[in-house]
Each structure stands twice: as C-alpha cells, then as structure tokens.
C-alpha cells in the first residue's frame, strides 16, 4: 500500500554508483529561475563538508515551467547532480519522499528550492549532530523574512495545536529543513502510508533529535508555490495522521447532547408546571438543528477516514518517476 514506483527504464540510472557521504535533497516546483543559484550554493556548502563525495538530488514535481530544463542543464555542465522528474505533480511531501528514496548519502540534508533555508548552515548543523550524537538536527525558525503575518501566525498556531493533540513530540516552528542520518531516512522510506507528513514521520521514528535555531531568509526568486489551500490540505493530513482527536469528537458531542437534553427536559417540565406559555417551535427547531449539525460533523469525519482507507487499499504507487538524469 502506497509503495514507491520507479520506472524500470530509469531505475538503473537512479541507483548508479556507490553511496555518498552526503546527499542534499530538494523538491522543486516551478523554480526555474532559482535552480542555478540553488545548485551553486549547495555545491559550495557540500564540498566544505564532504569534499567531492556528495550528491544533490533535485526532484521536479511536475513543474509547468522550465524547471526540468534547468535541472537537466546543470546535470550536463557540472558534477554531483541527480535530477529526477516525476510523471505529474504529486505534491511537495511526496516529491520529498521520492528524493529521500533516491538519496544514497550517510547524511541527508533536506531543504526547499526557494533558498529560504540557507544551504550554508549545513556545516554548523553537521557539527551539532556530531557534538550531540543526534540522528536528526532540525531547523527551528527564530524569524521568517518575507512571509505574511497571516501565514506566520497560522503556521505557528497549527504547529502548537498539533503538538498538543498528538501523541508525538512534533517540533514547533520547524519545517522540512533538517539533517538526518542514513538509518532515519531508511526507516522513513519504508513506511507504507500514502498520506505523508514528513515532520510527523521523522518524529515517529524517534532517536535523538535536536533543534538548530536559524533565521529564515526571503525567497531567492518568484512567489510562494504553497497557497493557503495546500497549507490547509497539509494541516488536515497531519491532523488525521497523527491525532485521534477527531475520532473522539463524536464522544464529546454525545456528552454535550446528554447535558443539553437534561437541561431542556428540566426547563420543559418547569414550564409545564409553572408557566402559562409552553416551549414552542423555536426551541424545538433549534434543538433539531444542533443535533443535525453534530450528526453531519461526525459523518464527515467518518467519511474522511473511510475515504483514506479506500484509497489505500487500491495499492496505487506513491509516485511515478518519468526521467532521471545524472552528472557524468
């Protein structure tokens, strides 16, 4: 269920060569203008840490601009670049999963293609990992330059709320920017679920995980490729995957309705005994609407879970690789 599928025609090129000391995995979607600068900065940071024993894995998540052309050009004129093109747009979480599945490094750094997470922080993150004996060093944002007040606040509220309702310790003010050891990446790649929330999956793996405080930069070029609708979808996936809070809402609703029924019954008895005016249609309709509302909410929650189970039973691939290009 939700396994990764790589076309046999490209599988050999994807696994070619011996494992590297370091992999940098970058999911890309419509980032044509920033690819050259991204690779330049990643090369510099990687060579400072691993010499020439590294790879930069760029995953084109079905871009509609010239992103794949820019990636292909970099594989032809430079070293240590692996380009992977998915057959369509699968979403950032799945594209990141595709990159992690292809990465061979003993250490794996994940960052966004917009360069808001500076590649230059790789060396100090490696130092923290070695000093602390950690398997994961995750970037924790002190500030977020160039982002709207709404996006910053909504992301902060979501992270804190998810941490409260989840059984896992999911870091707040952290995104996908993190450095991981090989065993963590391997365990994540083996997880079968199809609704991916990488931050939650990393937290689930466990081991020692430590924060690395940093200031997030502005985008290098273009505009955000993550609109509010995608953020909402990610929040829903995260909440449904790592919290049973919604499944318990029905019990909370039932408890509320029991209290409401008792209160209405007491009031109706009092009105029948002591008041001239009996409760009429208004109170009756309000009660019916409240009950119907809770029924529909519970049904919607159940339907969402059943729909996810149904899609999971189909056994469709998590992603499909169209092309792979590797520097010679």
C-alpha atoms as a PDB file:
ATOM      1  CA  UNK A   1       0.000   0.000   0.000  1.00  0.00           C
ATOM      2  CA  UNK A   2       1.469   3.330  -1.071  1.00  0.00           C
ATOM      3  CA  UNK A   3       4.733   1.818  -2.251  1.00  0.00           C
ATOM      4  CA  UNK A   4       7.129   3.846  -4.382  1.00  0.00           C
ATOM      5  CA  UNK A   5       7.260   3.027  -8.086  1.00  0.00           C
ATOM      6  CA  UNK A   6      10.241   3.756 -10.292  1.00  0.00           C
ATOM      7  CA  UNK A   7      10.085   3.021 -14.000  1.00  0.00           C
ATOM      8  CA  UNK A   8      12.486   0.156 -14.834  1.00  0.00           C
ATOM      9  CA  UNK A   9      13.965   2.220 -17.663  1.00  0.00           C
ATOM     10  CA  UNK A  10      15.298   4.766 -15.190  1.00  0.00           C
ATOM     11  CA  UNK A  11      15.927   2.560 -12.159  1.00  0.00           C
ATOM     12  CA  UNK A  12      19.489   1.718 -13.174  1.00  0.00           C
ATOM     13  CA  UNK A  13      20.467   5.356 -13.530  1.00  0.00           C
ATOM     14  CA  UNK A  14      18.897   6.180 -10.194  1.00  0.00           C
ATOM     15  CA  UNK A  15      20.883   3.656  -8.165  1.00  0.00           C
ATOM     16  CA  UNK A  16      24.090   4.035 -10.176  1.00  0.00           C
ATOM     17  CA  UNK A  17      27.396   4.373  -8.304  1.00  0.00           C
ATOM     18  CA  UNK A  18      28.498   3.818  -4.735  1.00  0.00           C
ATOM     19  CA  UNK A  19      26.817   5.508  -1.755  1.00  0.00           C
ATOM     20  CA  UNK A  20      27.883   9.071  -0.966  1.00  0.00           C
ATOM     21  CA  UNK A  21      28.878  10.659   2.313  1.00  0.00           C
ATOM     22  CA  UNK A  22      26.272  13.384   1.867  1.00  0.00           C
ATOM     23  CA  UNK A  23      23.038  13.862  -0.063  1.00  0.00           C
ATOM     24  CA  UNK A  24      21.145  17.133  -0.391  1.00  0.00           C
ATOM     25  CA  UNK A  25      17.508  16.522  -1.342  1.00  0.00           C
ATOM     26  CA  UNK A  26      15.480  19.371  -2.837  1.00  0.00           C
ATOM     27  CA  UNK A  27      11.871  19.080  -4.097  1.00  0.00           C
ATOM     28  CA  UNK A  28      11.254  21.621  -6.879  1.00  0.00           C
ATOM     29  CA  UNK A  29       8.043  23.005  -8.340  1.00  0.00           C
ATOM     30  CA  UNK A  30       8.159  25.881 -10.850  1.00  0.00           C
ATOM     31  CA  UNK A  31      11.539  27.119  -9.599  1.00  0.00           C
ATOM     32  CA  UNK A  32      13.229  27.616 -12.991  1.00  0.00           C
ATOM     33  CA  UNK A  33      14.801  30.978 -12.133  1.00  0.00           C
ATOM     34  CA  UNK A  34      16.487  29.777  -8.957  1.00  0.00           C
ATOM     35  CA  UNK A  35      17.907  26.372  -9.942  1.00  0.00           C
ATOM     36  CA  UNK A  36      21.373  27.603 -10.965  1.00  0.00           C
ATOM     37  CA  UNK A  37      21.838  29.633  -7.767  1.00  0.00           C
ATOM     38  CA  UNK A  38      20.456  26.783  -5.674  1.00  0.00           C
ATOM     39  CA  UNK A  39      22.984  24.305  -7.067  1.00  0.00           C
ATOM     40  CA  UNK A  40      25.859  26.786  -6.806  1.00  0.00           C
ATOM     41  CA  UNK A  41      25.237  27.363  -3.105  1.00  0.00           C
ATOM     42  CA  UNK A  42      24.551  23.689  -2.387  1.00  0.00           C
ATOM     43  CA  UNK A  43      27.800  22.682  -4.116  1.00  0.00           C
ATOM     44  CA  UNK A  44      29.816  25.131  -2.072  1.00  0.00           C
ATOM     45  CA  UNK A  45      28.284  24.024   1.229  1.00  0.00           C
ATOM     46  CA  UNK A  46      28.506  20.314   0.399  1.00  0.00           C
ATOM     47  CA  UNK A  47      32.139  20.483  -0.718  1.00  0.00           C
ATOM     48  CA  UNK A  48      33.078  22.229   2.538  1.00  0.00           C
ATOM     49  CA  UNK A  49      31.677  19.250   4.457  1.00  0.00           C
ATOM     50  CA  UNK A  50      32.232  16.213   2.216  1.00  0.00           C
ATOM     51  CA  UNK A  51      34.787  17.254  -0.395  1.00  0.00           C
ATOM     52  CA  UNK A  52      33.649  15.706  -3.668  1.00  0.00           C
ATOM     53  CA  UNK A  53      31.803  12.817  -2.015  1.00  0.00           C
ATOM     54  CA  UNK A  54      28.279  14.240  -2.208  1.00  0.00           C
ATOM     55  CA  UNK A  55      25.214  14.394  -4.432  1.00  0.00           C
ATOM     56  CA  UNK A  56      22.490  16.985  -4.948  1.00  0.00           C
ATOM     57  CA  UNK A  57      19.162  15.282  -5.662  1.00  0.00           C
ATOM     58  CA  UNK A  58      16.647  17.602  -7.330  1.00  0.00           C
ATOM     59  CA  UNK A  59      13.083  16.310  -7.726  1.00  0.00           C
ATOM     60  CA  UNK A  60      10.937  18.101 -10.310  1.00  0.00           C
ATOM     61  CA  UNK A  61       7.385  17.670  -9.043  1.00  0.00           C
ATOM     62  CA  UNK A  62       5.656  18.035 -12.418  1.00  0.00           C
ATOM     63  CA  UNK A  63       6.593  21.695 -12.952  1.00  0.00           C
ATOM     64  CA  UNK A  64       4.810  23.623 -15.703  1.00  0.00           C
ATOM     65  CA  UNK A  65       7.727  25.989 -16.401  1.00  0.00           C
ATOM     66  CA  UNK A  66      11.323  25.264 -17.416  1.00  0.00           C
ATOM     67  CA  UNK A  67      12.423  23.743 -14.103  1.00  0.00           C
ATOM     68  CA  UNK A  68      13.262  20.361 -15.618  1.00  0.00           C
ATOM     69  CA  UNK A  69      15.232  22.002 -18.414  1.00  0.00           C
ATOM     70  CA  UNK A  70      17.250  23.966 -15.852  1.00  0.00           C
ATOM     71  CA  UNK A  71      17.927  20.811 -13.826  1.00  0.00           C
ATOM     72  CA  UNK A  72      18.930  18.873 -16.948  1.00  0.00           C
ATOM     73  CA  UNK A  73      21.337  21.643 -17.940  1.00  0.00           C
ATOM     74  CA  UNK A  74      23.017  21.511 -14.528  1.00  0.00           C
ATOM     75  CA  UNK A  75      23.476  17.735 -14.775  1.00  0.00           C
ATOM     76  CA  UNK A  76      25.247  18.221 -18.113  1.00  0.00           C
ATOM     77  CA  UNK A  77      27.621  21.001 -17.181  1.00  0.00           C
ATOM     78  CA  UNK A  78      28.525  20.080 -13.606  1.00  0.00           C
ATOM     79  CA  UNK A  79      29.207  17.172 -11.280  1.00  0.00           C
ATOM     80  CA  UNK A  80      27.356  15.564  -8.392  1.00  0.00           C
ATOM     81  CA  UNK A  81      23.836  16.427  -9.567  1.00  0.00           C
ATOM     82  CA  UNK A  82      20.979  13.936  -9.841  1.00  0.00           C
ATOM     83  CA  UNK A  83      17.771  15.120 -11.486  1.00  0.00           C
ATOM     84  CA  UNK A  84      14.525  13.203 -11.037  1.00  0.00           C
ATOM     85  CA  UNK A  85      11.350  14.166 -12.887  1.00  0.00           C
ATOM     86  CA  UNK A  86       8.016  12.845 -11.624  1.00  0.00           C
ATOM     87  CA  UNK A  87       5.296  11.981 -14.130  1.00  0.00           C
ATOM     88  CA  UNK A  88       2.998  14.688 -12.733  1.00  0.00           C
ATOM     89  CA  UNK A  89       2.538  16.957  -9.744  1.00  0.00           C
ATOM     90  CA  UNK A  90       2.218  14.712  -6.675  1.00  0.00           C
ATOM     91  CA  UNK A  91       2.732  17.394  -4.013  1.00  0.00           C
ATOM     92  CA  UNK A  92       5.754  18.523  -2.006  1.00  0.00           C
ATOM     93  CA  UNK A  93       5.581  15.793   0.641  1.00  0.00           C
ATOM     94  CA  UNK A  94       5.533  13.022  -1.975  1.00  0.00           C
ATOM     95  CA  UNK A  95       8.250  14.711  -4.069  1.00  0.00           C
ATOM     96  CA  UNK A  96      10.394  14.889  -0.952  1.00  0.00           C
ATOM     97  CA  UNK A  97       9.717  11.204  -0.339  1.00  0.00           C
ATOM     98  CA  UNK A  98      10.871  10.439  -3.892  1.00  0.00           C
ATOM     99  CA  UNK A  99      14.109  12.314  -3.254  1.00  0.00           C
ATOM    100  CA  UNK A 100      14.728  10.543   0.047  1.00  0.00           C
ATOM    101  CA  UNK A 101      14.159   7.181  -1.647  1.00  0.00           C
ATOM    102  CA  UNK A 102      16.818   8.052  -4.231  1.00  0.00           C
ATOM    103  CA  UNK A 103      19.375   9.570  -1.831  1.00  0.00           C
ATOM    104  CA  UNK A 104      22.376   7.385  -1.002  1.00  0.00           C
ATOM    105  CA  UNK A 105      24.201   9.631   1.475  1.00  0.00           C
ATOM    106  CA  UNK A 106      25.181   8.639   5.004  1.00  0.00           C
ATOM    107  CA  UNK A 107      23.915  12.089   5.914  1.00  0.00           C
ATOM    108  CA  UNK A 108      20.913  13.639   4.159  1.00  0.00           C
ATOM    109  CA  UNK A 109      20.031  17.336   4.198  1.00  0.00           C
ATOM    110  CA  UNK A 110      16.536  18.409   3.131  1.00  0.00           C
ATOM    111  CA  UNK A 111      15.767  21.973   2.099  1.00  0.00           C
ATOM    112  CA  UNK A 112      13.341  23.925  -0.072  1.00  0.00           C
ATOM    113  CA  UNK A 113      14.269  25.100  -3.565  1.00  0.00           C
ATOM    114  CA  UNK A 114      13.399  28.736  -2.807  1.00  0.00           C
ATOM    115  CA  UNK A 115      16.577  29.117  -0.684  1.00  0.00           C
ATOM    116  CA  UNK A 116      14.683  30.422   2.326  1.00  0.00           C
ATOM    117  CA  UNK A 117      16.566  27.730   4.227  1.00  0.00           C
ATOM    118  CA  UNK A 118      20.251  28.645   3.690  1.00  0.00           C
ATOM    119  CA  UNK A 119      22.430  25.737   2.459  1.00  0.00           C
ATOM    120  CA  UNK A 120      25.355  27.456   4.182  1.00  0.00           C
ATOM    121  CA  UNK A 121      24.007  26.181   7.519  1.00  0.00           C
ATOM    122  CA  UNK A 122      24.950  22.617   6.573  1.00  0.00           C
ATOM    123  CA  UNK A 123      28.408  22.724   8.194  1.00  0.00           C
ATOM    124  CA  UNK A 124      27.220  24.027  11.591  1.00  0.00           C
ATOM    125  CA  UNK A 125      24.334  21.523  11.539  1.00  0.00           C
ATOM    126  CA  UNK A 126      26.823  18.688  10.987  1.00  0.00           C
ATOM    127  CA  UNK A 127      28.858  19.985  13.926  1.00  0.00           C
ATOM    128  CA  UNK A 128      25.759  19.983  16.154  1.00  0.00           C
ATOM    129  CA  UNK A 129      24.906  16.439  15.041  1.00  0.00           C
ATOM    130  CA  UNK A 130      28.385  15.166  15.894  1.00  0.00           C
ATOM    131  CA  UNK A 131      28.596  17.046  19.182  1.00  0.00           C
ATOM    132  CA  UNK A 132      25.163  15.938  20.394  1.00  0.00           C
ATOM    133  CA  UNK A 133      25.318  12.422  18.972  1.00  0.00           C
ATOM    134  CA  UNK A 134      21.961  13.058  17.304  1.00  0.00           C
ATOM    135  CA  UNK A 135      20.290  11.327  14.381  1.00  0.00           C
ATOM    136  CA  UNK A 136      18.246  14.387  13.402  1.00  0.00           C
ATOM    137  CA  UNK A 137      19.101  18.079  13.517  1.00  0.00           C
ATOM    138  CA  UNK A 138      16.023  20.081  12.542  1.00  0.00           C
ATOM    139  CA  UNK A 139      15.939  23.755  11.681  1.00  0.00           C
ATOM    140  CA  UNK A 140      13.849  25.776  14.126  1.00  0.00           C
ATOM    141  CA  UNK A 141      12.945  29.243  12.889  1.00  0.00           C
ATOM    142  CA  UNK A 142      13.584  32.282  15.035  1.00  0.00           C
ATOM    143  CA  UNK A 143      12.309  34.675  12.373  1.00  0.00           C
ATOM    144  CA  UNK A 144      10.634  34.279   8.959  1.00  0.00           C
ATOM    145  CA  UNK A 145      11.562  37.027   6.495  1.00  0.00           C
ATOM    146  CA  UNK A 146       9.276  37.879   3.600  1.00  0.00           C
ATOM    147  CA  UNK A 147       6.239  35.957   4.847  1.00  0.00           C
ATOM    148  CA  UNK A 148       2.848  37.468   5.601  1.00  0.00           C
ATOM    149  CA  UNK A 149       1.549  37.917   9.128  1.00  0.00           C
ATOM    150  CA  UNK A 150      -1.306  35.511   8.365  1.00  0.00           C
ATOM    151  CA  UNK A 151       0.968  32.724   7.122  1.00  0.00           C
ATOM    152  CA  UNK A 152       3.386  33.103  10.026  1.00  0.00           C
ATOM    153  CA  UNK A 153       0.656  33.130  12.672  1.00  0.00           C
ATOM    154  CA  UNK A 154      -1.432  30.348  11.146  1.00  0.00           C
ATOM    155  CA  UNK A 155       1.633  28.100  10.816  1.00  0.00           C
ATOM    156  CA  UNK A 156       2.621  28.801  14.415  1.00  0.00           C
ATOM    157  CA  UNK A 157      -0.886  28.083  15.734  1.00  0.00           C
ATOM    158  CA  UNK A 158      -1.118  24.867  13.720  1.00  0.00           C
ATOM    159  CA  UNK A 159       2.250  23.558  14.948  1.00  0.00           C
ATOM    160  CA  UNK A 160       1.401  24.244  18.578  1.00  0.00           C
ATOM    161  CA  UNK A 161      -2.086  22.787  18.285  1.00  0.00           C
ATOM    162  CA  UNK A 162      -0.802  19.627  16.589  1.00  0.00           C
ATOM    163  CA  UNK A 163       1.809  19.179  19.296  1.00  0.00           C
ATOM    164  CA  UNK A 164      -0.900  19.374  21.957  1.00  0.00           C
ATOM    165  CA  UNK A 165      -3.290  16.852  20.382  1.00  0.00           C
ATOM    166  CA  UNK A 166      -0.695  14.437  19.001  1.00  0.00           C
ATOM    167  CA  UNK A 167       0.951  11.633  20.922  1.00  0.00           C
ATOM    168  CA  UNK A 168       4.233  12.540  19.200  1.00  0.00           C
ATOM    169  CA  UNK A 169       6.635  15.338  20.042  1.00  0.00           C
ATOM    170  CA  UNK A 170       6.452  17.260  16.762  1.00  0.00           C
ATOM    171  CA  UNK A 171       8.686  20.366  16.951  1.00  0.00           C
ATOM    172  CA  UNK A 172       7.061  23.792  16.671  1.00  0.00           C
ATOM    173  CA  UNK A 173       8.350  26.497  14.292  1.00  0.00           C
ATOM    174  CA  UNK A 174      10.071  23.839  12.178  1.00  0.00           C
ATOM    175  CA  UNK A 175       9.590  22.856   8.545  1.00  0.00           C
ATOM    176  CA  UNK A 176      11.269  20.282   6.340  1.00  0.00           C
ATOM    177  CA  UNK A 177      14.756  21.815   6.733  1.00  0.00           C
ATOM    178  CA  UNK A 178      16.685  19.124   8.594  1.00  0.00           C
ATOM    179  CA  UNK A 179      19.797  16.947   8.562  1.00  0.00           C
ATOM    180  CA  UNK A 180      19.242  13.203   9.078  1.00  0.00           C
ATOM    181  CA  UNK A 181      21.368  10.100   9.359  1.00  0.00           C
ATOM    182  CA  UNK A 182      21.032   7.216   6.948  1.00  0.00           C
ATOM    183  CA  UNK A 183      19.078   4.998   9.323  1.00  0.00           C
ATOM    184  CA  UNK A 184      16.388   7.640   9.848  1.00  0.00           C
ATOM    185  CA  UNK A 185      15.974   8.183   6.106  1.00  0.00           C
ATOM    186  CA  UNK A 186      15.796   4.439   5.506  1.00  0.00           C
ATOM    187  CA  UNK A 187      13.086   3.971   8.135  1.00  0.00           C
ATOM    188  CA  UNK A 188      11.012   6.825   6.709  1.00  0.00           C
ATOM    189  CA  UNK A 189      11.282   5.410   3.191  1.00  0.00           C
ATOM    190  CA  UNK A 190       9.977   2.058   4.450  1.00  0.00           C
ATOM    191  CA  UNK A 191       6.790   3.482   5.972  1.00  0.00           C
ATOM    192  CA  UNK A 192       3.792   2.346   3.897  1.00  0.00           C
ATOM    193  CA  UNK A 193       1.259   5.150   4.436  1.00  0.00           C
ATOM    194  CA  UNK A 194       0.271   7.205   1.404  1.00  0.00           C
ATOM    195  CA  UNK A 195      -0.819  10.428   3.176  1.00  0.00           C
ATOM    196  CA  UNK A 196       2.635  11.736   4.005  1.00  0.00           C
ATOM    197  CA  UNK A 197       3.539  14.313   6.631  1.00  0.00           C
ATOM    198  CA  UNK A 198       7.331  14.107   6.783  1.00  0.00           C
ATOM    199  CA  UNK A 199       7.703  16.087  10.002  1.00  0.00           C
ATOM    200  CA  UNK A 200       5.399  13.670  11.780  1.00  0.00           C
ATOM    201  CA  UNK A 201       7.138  10.652  10.263  1.00  0.00           C
ATOM    202  CA  UNK A 202      10.531  11.883  11.457  1.00  0.00           C
ATOM    203  CA  UNK A 203       9.120  12.463  14.942  1.00  0.00           C
ATOM    204  CA  UNK A 204       7.620   8.960  14.921  1.00  0.00           C
ATOM    205  CA  UNK A 205      10.987   7.340  14.152  1.00  0.00           C
ATOM    206  CA  UNK A 206      12.415   8.671  17.399  1.00  0.00           C
ATOM    207  CA  UNK A 207      16.149   8.571  18.217  1.00  0.00           C
ATOM    208  CA  UNK A 208      17.851  11.721  19.436  1.00  0.00           C
ATOM    209  CA  UNK A 209      16.608  14.847  17.663  1.00  0.00           C
ATOM    210  CA  UNK A 210      17.917  18.325  18.449  1.00  0.00           C
ATOM    211  CA  UNK A 211      16.947  21.812  17.203  1.00  0.00           C
ATOM    212  CA  UNK A 212      19.132  24.214  15.267  1.00  0.00           C
ATOM    213  CA  UNK A 213      17.953  27.812  15.601  1.00  0.00           C
ATOM    214  CA  UNK A 214      18.190  29.977  12.489  1.00  0.00           C
ATOM    215  CA  UNK A 215      16.642  32.979  10.754  1.00  0.00           C
ATOM    216  CA  UNK A 216      14.692  32.107   7.619  1.00  0.00           C
ATOM    217  CA  UNK A 217      15.535  34.205   4.551  1.00  0.00           C
ATOM    218  CA  UNK A 218      13.298  35.659   1.864  1.00  0.00           C
ATOM    219  CA  UNK A 219      12.683  33.704  -1.318  1.00  0.00           C
ATOM    220  CA  UNK A 220      15.535  33.991  -3.802  1.00  0.00           C
ATOM    221  CA  UNK A 221      13.138  34.469  -6.730  1.00  0.00           C
ATOM    222  CA  UNK A 222       9.491  34.251  -7.677  1.00  0.00           C
ATOM    223  CA  UNK A 223       6.492  33.803  -5.415  1.00  0.00           C
ATOM    224  CA  UNK A 224       5.478  31.084  -2.996  1.00  0.00           C
ATOM    225  CA  UNK A 225       4.250  27.855  -4.594  1.00  0.00           C
ATOM    226  CA  UNK A 226       2.389  26.920  -1.421  1.00  0.00           C
ATOM    227  CA  UNK A 227      -1.015  28.695  -1.414  1.00  0.00           C
ATOM    228  CA  UNK A 228      -3.408  28.644   1.524  1.00  0.00           C
ATOM    229  CA  UNK A 229      -5.368  25.728   0.026  1.00  0.00           C
ATOM    230  CA  UNK A 230      -2.266  23.493   0.060  1.00  0.00           C
ATOM    231  CA  UNK A 231      -1.432  24.547   3.612  1.00  0.00           C
ATOM    232  CA  UNK A 232      -4.954  23.621   4.714  1.00  0.00           C
ATOM    233  CA  UNK A 233      -4.666  20.241   2.968  1.00  0.00           C
ATOM    234  CA  UNK A 234      -1.324  19.592   4.668  1.00  0.00           C
ATOM    235  CA  UNK A 235      -2.812  20.531   8.041  1.00  0.00           C
ATOM    236  CA  UNK A 236      -5.704  18.096   7.513  1.00  0.00           C
ATOM    237  CA  UNK A 237      -3.320  15.298   6.503  1.00  0.00           C
ATOM    238  CA  UNK A 238      -1.144  15.945   9.539  1.00  0.00           C
ATOM    239  CA  UNK A 239      -4.059  16.079  11.950  1.00  0.00           C
ATOM    240  CA  UNK A 240      -5.736  12.934  10.635  1.00  0.00           C
ATOM    241  CA  UNK A 241      -2.456  11.006  10.509  1.00  0.00           C
ATOM    242  CA  UNK A 242      -1.063  11.901  13.920  1.00  0.00           C
ATOM    243  CA  UNK A 243      -4.043  12.565  16.170  1.00  0.00           C
ATOM    244  CA  UNK A 244      -7.196  10.682  17.146  1.00  0.00           C
ATOM    245  CA  UNK A 245      -8.796  13.918  18.316  1.00  0.00           C
ATOM    246  CA  UNK A 246     -11.393  13.993  15.547  1.00  0.00           C
ATOM    247  CA  UNK A 247     -12.482  10.408  16.182  1.00  0.00           C
ATOM    248  CA  UNK A 248     -13.168  11.376  19.782  1.00  0.00           C
ATOM    249  CA  UNK A 249     -15.266  14.363  18.753  1.00  0.00           C
ATOM    250  CA  UNK A 250     -18.334  12.122  18.475  1.00  0.00           C
ATOM    251  CA  UNK A 251     -17.985  11.147  22.123  1.00  0.00           C
ATOM    252  CA  UNK A 252     -17.636  14.795  23.114  1.00  0.00           C
ATOM    253  CA  UNK A 253     -20.697  15.669  21.016  1.00  0.00           C
ATOM    254  CA  UNK A 254     -22.697  12.880  22.648  1.00  0.00           C
ATOM    255  CA  UNK A 255     -21.726  14.089  26.113  1.00  0.00           C
ATOM    256  CA  UNK A 256     -22.736  17.639  25.207  1.00  0.00           C
ATOM    257  CA  UNK A 257     -26.096  16.476  23.853  1.00  0.00           C
ATOM    258  CA  UNK A 258     -26.816  14.462  27.002  1.00  0.00           C
ATOM    259  CA  UNK A 259     -26.278  17.575  29.112  1.00  0.00           C
ATOM    260  CA  UNK A 260     -28.406  19.623  26.693  1.00  0.00           C
ATOM    261  CA  UNK A 261     -31.231  17.056  26.751  1.00  0.00           C
ATOM    262  CA  UNK A 262     -31.278  17.045  30.554  1.00  0.00           C
ATOM    263  CA  UNK A 263     -31.318  20.849  30.649  1.00  0.00           C
ATOM    264  CA  UNK A 264     -34.124  21.103  28.084  1.00  0.00           C
ATOM    265  CA  UNK A 265     -36.131  18.408  29.883  1.00  0.00           C
ATOM    266  CA  UNK A 266     -35.850  20.219  33.215  1.00  0.00           C
ATOM    267  CA  UNK A 267     -36.834  23.517  31.609  1.00  0.00           C
ATOM    268  CA  UNK A 268     -39.804  21.939  29.782  1.00  0.00           C
ATOM    269  CA  UNK A 269     -41.062  20.314  32.990  1.00  0.00           C
ATOM    270  CA  UNK A 270     -40.727  23.613  34.829  1.00  0.00           C
ATOM    271  CA  UNK A 271     -42.597  25.451  32.058  1.00  0.00           C
ATOM    272  CA  UNK A 272     -45.376  22.842  32.014  1.00  0.00           C
ATOM    273  CA  UNK A 273     -45.876  23.084  35.781  1.00  0.00           C
ATOM    274  CA  UNK A 274     -45.452  26.781  36.478  1.00  0.00           C
ATOM    275  CA  UNK A 275     -45.634  28.827  33.252  1.00  0.00           C
ATOM    276  CA  UNK A 276     -48.596  29.669  31.075  1.00  0.00           C
ATOM    277  CA  UNK A 277     -46.585  29.551  27.830  1.00  0.00           C
ATOM    278  CA  UNK A 278     -45.176  26.185  26.831  1.00  0.00           C
ATOM    279  CA  UNK A 279     -41.945  25.909  24.796  1.00  0.00           C
ATOM    280  CA  UNK A 280     -42.802  26.267  21.113  1.00  0.00           C
ATOM    281  CA  UNK A 281     -41.441  25.558  17.672  1.00  0.00           C
ATOM    282  CA  UNK A 282     -38.420  27.843  18.023  1.00  0.00           C
ATOM    283  CA  UNK A 283     -36.751  25.831  20.766  1.00  0.00           C
ATOM    284  CA  UNK A 284     -37.723  22.583  19.046  1.00  0.00           C
ATOM    285  CA  UNK A 285     -36.189  23.621  15.720  1.00  0.00           C
ATOM    286  CA  UNK A 286     -33.021  24.894  17.367  1.00  0.00           C
ATOM    287  CA  UNK A 287     -32.620  21.558  19.144  1.00  0.00           C
ATOM    288  CA  UNK A 288     -33.131  19.644  15.898  1.00  0.00           C
ATOM    289  CA  UNK A 289     -30.600  21.828  14.077  1.00  0.00           C
ATOM    290  CA  UNK A 290     -27.991  21.352  16.804  1.00  0.00           C
ATOM    291  CA  UNK A 291     -28.431  17.574  16.750  1.00  0.00           C
ATOM    292  CA  UNK A 292     -28.303  17.508  12.935  1.00  0.00           C
ATOM    293  CA  UNK A 293     -25.140  19.606  12.939  1.00  0.00           C
ATOM    294  CA  UNK A 294     -23.297  17.209  15.231  1.00  0.00           C
ATOM    295  CA  UNK A 295     -24.520  14.237  13.198  1.00  0.00           C
ATOM    296  CA  UNK A 296     -23.202  15.746   9.957  1.00  0.00           C
ATOM    297  CA  UNK A 297     -19.855  16.634  11.533  1.00  0.00           C
ATOM    298  CA  UNK A 298     -19.433  13.091  12.840  1.00  0.00           C
ATOM    299  CA  UNK A 299     -20.452  11.630   9.474  1.00  0.00           C
ATOM    300  CA  UNK A 300     -17.947  13.886   7.665  1.00  0.00           C
ATOM    301  CA  UNK A 301     -15.124  12.750   9.930  1.00  0.00           C
ATOM    302  CA  UNK A 302     -16.017   9.084   9.448  1.00  0.00           C
ATOM    303  CA  UNK A 303     -16.270   9.598   5.672  1.00  0.00           C
ATOM    304  CA  UNK A 304     -12.809  11.199   5.542  1.00  0.00           C
ATOM    305  CA  UNK A 305     -11.226   8.236   7.300  1.00  0.00           C
ATOM    306  CA  UNK A 306     -13.133   5.706   5.184  1.00  0.00           C
ATOM    307  CA  UNK A 307     -12.097   7.533   2.002  1.00  0.00           C
ATOM    308  CA  UNK A 308      -8.442   7.377   3.004  1.00  0.00           C
ATOM    309  CA  UNK A 309      -8.734   3.679   3.823  1.00  0.00           C
ATOM    310  CA  UNK A 310     -10.404   3.057   0.454  1.00  0.00           C
ATOM    311  CA  UNK A 311      -7.663   4.849  -1.482  1.00  0.00           C
ATOM    312  CA  UNK A 312      -5.034   2.981   0.500  1.00  0.00           C
ATOM    313  CA  UNK A 313      -6.496  -0.408  -0.400  1.00  0.00           C
ATOM    314  CA  UNK A 314      -6.096   0.344  -4.108  1.00  0.00           C
ATOM    315  CA  UNK A 315      -2.340  -0.062  -3.769  1.00  0.00           C
ATOM    316  CA  UNK A 316      -1.563   2.764  -6.178  1.00  0.00           C
ATOM    317  CA  UNK A 317       2.069   3.943  -6.284  1.00  0.00           C
ATOM    318  CA  UNK A 318       3.028   6.846  -4.084  1.00  0.00           C
ATOM    319  CA  UNK A 319       4.890   8.435  -7.001  1.00  0.00           C
ATOM    320  CA  UNK A 320       5.980   7.584 -10.539  1.00  0.00           C
ATOM    321  CA  UNK A 321       9.355   8.616 -11.936  1.00  0.00           C
ATOM    322  CA  UNK A 322       9.368   9.783 -15.547  1.00  0.00           C
ATOM    323  CA  UNK A 323      13.056  10.590 -16.101  1.00  0.00           C
ATOM    324  CA  UNK A 324      16.351  10.516 -14.256  1.00  0.00           C
ATOM    325  CA  UNK A 325      19.475  12.422 -15.271  1.00  0.00           C
ATOM    326  CA  UNK A 326      22.812  12.186 -13.530  1.00  0.00           C
ATOM    327  CA  UNK A 327      26.030  14.148 -13.927  1.00  0.00           C
ATOM    328  CA  UNK A 328      28.709  12.134 -15.690  1.00  0.00           C
END
